[in-house]
């Protein structure tokens, strides 16, 4: 989804913060921002952050208020994927 420049900057800052938080706790992190390897698409959609530690996987999608209304199918795809294993969790971070 295309965001206004200021909202994209706030989005990317939050993605960086979420990714850094997991990385700081010893997780292997992939994030859809410069400086990180990009996560693989899940059901044709690329999540903002995928963190793994041992057998555990965390999928995080960062949303702005406007994208929160429009990106429901994307979040549902990530949630469905996460719910297919007890070792995966999905969450949304709203800015």
C-alpha atoms as a PDB file:
ATOM      1  CA  UNK A   1       0.000   0.000   0.000  1.00  0.00           C
ATOM      2  CA  UNK A   2       1.273   3.479  -0.880  1.00  0.00           C
ATOM      3  CA  UNK A   3       1.388   5.895   2.048  1.00  0.00           C
ATOM      4  CA  UNK A   4       1.959   9.620   2.193  1.00  0.00           C
ATOM      5  CA  UNK A   5       5.654  10.401   2.685  1.00  0.00           C
ATOM      6  CA  UNK A   6       5.298  11.462   6.340  1.00  0.00           C
ATOM      7  CA  UNK A   7       3.210   8.384   7.172  1.00  0.00           C
ATOM      8  CA  UNK A   8       5.686   6.119   5.338  1.00  0.00           C
ATOM      9  CA  UNK A   9       8.513   7.585   7.425  1.00  0.00           C
ATOM     10  CA  UNK A  10       6.593   6.977  10.669  1.00  0.00           C
ATOM     11  CA  UNK A  11       5.740   3.456   9.469  1.00  0.00           C
ATOM     12  CA  UNK A  12       9.369   2.656   8.645  1.00  0.00           C
ATOM     13  CA  UNK A  13      10.557   4.074  11.979  1.00  0.00           C
ATOM     14  CA  UNK A  14       8.154   1.781  13.829  1.00  0.00           C
ATOM     15  CA  UNK A  15       9.235  -1.225  11.726  1.00  0.00           C
ATOM     16  CA  UNK A  16      12.859  -0.425  12.587  1.00  0.00           C
ATOM     17  CA  UNK A  17      12.012  -0.145  16.295  1.00  0.00           C
ATOM     18  CA  UNK A  18      10.065  -3.426  16.335  1.00  0.00           C
ATOM     19  CA  UNK A  19      12.831  -5.230  14.417  1.00  0.00           C
ATOM     20  CA  UNK A  20      15.512  -3.782  16.695  1.00  0.00           C
ATOM     21  CA  UNK A  21      13.575  -4.855  19.779  1.00  0.00           C
ATOM     22  CA  UNK A  22      13.501  -8.460  18.677  1.00  0.00           C
ATOM     23  CA  UNK A  23      17.120  -8.344  17.497  1.00  0.00           C
ATOM     24  CA  UNK A  24      18.201  -6.955  20.870  1.00  0.00           C
ATOM     25  CA  UNK A  25      16.609  -9.977  22.558  1.00  0.00           C
ATOM     26  CA  UNK A  26      18.534 -12.456  20.426  1.00  0.00           C
ATOM     27  CA  UNK A  27      15.954 -13.140  17.724  1.00  0.00           C
ATOM     28  CA  UNK A  28      16.931 -13.530  14.054  1.00  0.00           C
ATOM     29  CA  UNK A  29      15.075 -10.750  12.293  1.00  0.00           C
ATOM     30  CA  UNK A  30      13.978 -10.048   8.742  1.00  0.00           C
ATOM     31  CA  UNK A  31      12.253  -6.742   8.047  1.00  0.00           C
ATOM     32  CA  UNK A  32      10.865  -4.960   5.013  1.00  0.00           C
ATOM     33  CA  UNK A  33      13.119  -1.905   5.436  1.00  0.00           C
ATOM     34  CA  UNK A  34      16.672  -1.058   4.354  1.00  0.00           C
ATOM     35  CA  UNK A  35      19.381  -2.681   6.451  1.00  0.00           C
ATOM     36  CA  UNK A  36      17.567  -6.003   6.903  1.00  0.00           C
ATOM     37  CA  UNK A  37      16.954  -9.055   4.752  1.00  0.00           C
ATOM     38  CA  UNK A  38      13.379  -8.975   3.466  1.00  0.00           C
ATOM     39  CA  UNK A  39      10.915 -11.517   4.848  1.00  0.00           C
ATOM     40  CA  UNK A  40       9.490 -14.043   2.422  1.00  0.00           C
ATOM     41  CA  UNK A  41       5.911 -13.431   1.317  1.00  0.00           C
ATOM     42  CA  UNK A  42       3.184 -15.237   3.237  1.00  0.00           C
ATOM     43  CA  UNK A  43       0.163 -16.127   1.112  1.00  0.00           C
ATOM     44  CA  UNK A  44       1.449 -13.644  -1.482  1.00  0.00           C
ATOM     45  CA  UNK A  45       1.932 -10.760   0.970  1.00  0.00           C
ATOM     46  CA  UNK A  46       5.150  -9.557   2.579  1.00  0.00           C
ATOM     47  CA  UNK A  47       5.012  -8.861   6.344  1.00  0.00           C
ATOM     48  CA  UNK A  48       6.919  -5.949   7.882  1.00  0.00           C
ATOM     49  CA  UNK A  49       8.820  -8.057  10.427  1.00  0.00           C
ATOM     50  CA  UNK A  50       9.447 -11.771  10.878  1.00  0.00           C
ATOM     51  CA  UNK A  51      11.503 -12.765  13.910  1.00  0.00           C
ATOM     52  CA  UNK A  52      12.624 -16.302  14.723  1.00  0.00           C
ATOM     53  CA  UNK A  53      14.222 -17.780  17.824  1.00  0.00           C
ATOM     54  CA  UNK A  54      14.623 -21.524  18.014  1.00  0.00           C
ATOM     55  CA  UNK A  55      11.288 -22.985  16.916  1.00  0.00           C
ATOM     56  CA  UNK A  56       9.336 -19.774  17.609  1.00  0.00           C
ATOM     57  CA  UNK A  57       8.274 -17.287  14.926  1.00  0.00           C
ATOM     58  CA  UNK A  58       6.771 -13.854  15.425  1.00  0.00           C
ATOM     59  CA  UNK A  59       5.124 -11.991  12.537  1.00  0.00           C
ATOM     60  CA  UNK A  60       4.471  -8.286  12.997  1.00  0.00           C
ATOM     61  CA  UNK A  61       2.614  -5.958  10.660  1.00  0.00           C
ATOM     62  CA  UNK A  62       2.889  -2.218  11.295  1.00  0.00           C
ATOM     63  CA  UNK A  63      -0.164  -0.183  10.312  1.00  0.00           C
ATOM     64  CA  UNK A  64      -1.116   3.464  10.199  1.00  0.00           C
ATOM     65  CA  UNK A  65      -4.693   4.458  10.980  1.00  0.00           C
ATOM     66  CA  UNK A  66      -5.513   4.641   7.266  1.00  0.00           C
ATOM     67  CA  UNK A  67      -3.853   1.333   6.347  1.00  0.00           C
ATOM     68  CA  UNK A  68      -5.560  -0.342   9.310  1.00  0.00           C
ATOM     69  CA  UNK A  69      -8.899   0.008   7.495  1.00  0.00           C
ATOM     70  CA  UNK A  70      -7.588  -0.995   4.068  1.00  0.00           C
ATOM     71  CA  UNK A  71      -5.202  -3.871   4.838  1.00  0.00           C
ATOM     72  CA  UNK A  72      -7.624  -6.282   6.545  1.00  0.00           C
ATOM     73  CA  UNK A  73      -7.096  -9.095   3.982  1.00  0.00           C
ATOM     74  CA  UNK A  74      -3.331  -8.861   4.460  1.00  0.00           C
ATOM     75  CA  UNK A  75      -3.565  -9.133   8.245  1.00  0.00           C
ATOM     76  CA  UNK A  76      -6.023 -12.004   7.900  1.00  0.00           C
ATOM     77  CA  UNK A  77      -3.518 -13.867   5.686  1.00  0.00           C
ATOM     78  CA  UNK A  78      -0.749 -13.420   8.269  1.00  0.00           C
ATOM     79  CA  UNK A  79      -3.065 -14.406  11.129  1.00  0.00           C
ATOM     80  CA  UNK A  80      -4.192 -17.541   9.271  1.00  0.00           C
ATOM     81  CA  UNK A  81      -0.566 -18.539   8.666  1.00  0.00           C
ATOM     82  CA  UNK A  82       0.389 -17.888  12.303  1.00  0.00           C
ATOM     83  CA  UNK A  83      -2.611 -19.813  13.614  1.00  0.00           C
ATOM     84  CA  UNK A  84      -1.582 -22.898  11.648  1.00  0.00           C
ATOM     85  CA  UNK A  85       1.184 -23.571  14.203  1.00  0.00           C
ATOM     86  CA  UNK A  86       1.360 -23.139  17.974  1.00  0.00           C
ATOM     87  CA  UNK A  87       4.955 -21.942  17.518  1.00  0.00           C
ATOM     88  CA  UNK A  88       3.890 -18.878  15.505  1.00  0.00           C
ATOM     89  CA  UNK A  89       2.272 -15.677  16.679  1.00  0.00           C
ATOM     90  CA  UNK A  90       1.001 -12.671  14.742  1.00  0.00           C
ATOM     91  CA  UNK A  91       0.468  -9.165  16.007  1.00  0.00           C
ATOM     92  CA  UNK A  92      -0.302  -5.763  14.609  1.00  0.00           C
ATOM     93  CA  UNK A  93       1.456  -2.607  15.745  1.00  0.00           C
ATOM     94  CA  UNK A  94      -0.586   0.536  15.049  1.00  0.00           C
ATOM     95  CA  UNK A  95       0.964   3.994  14.884  1.00  0.00           C
END
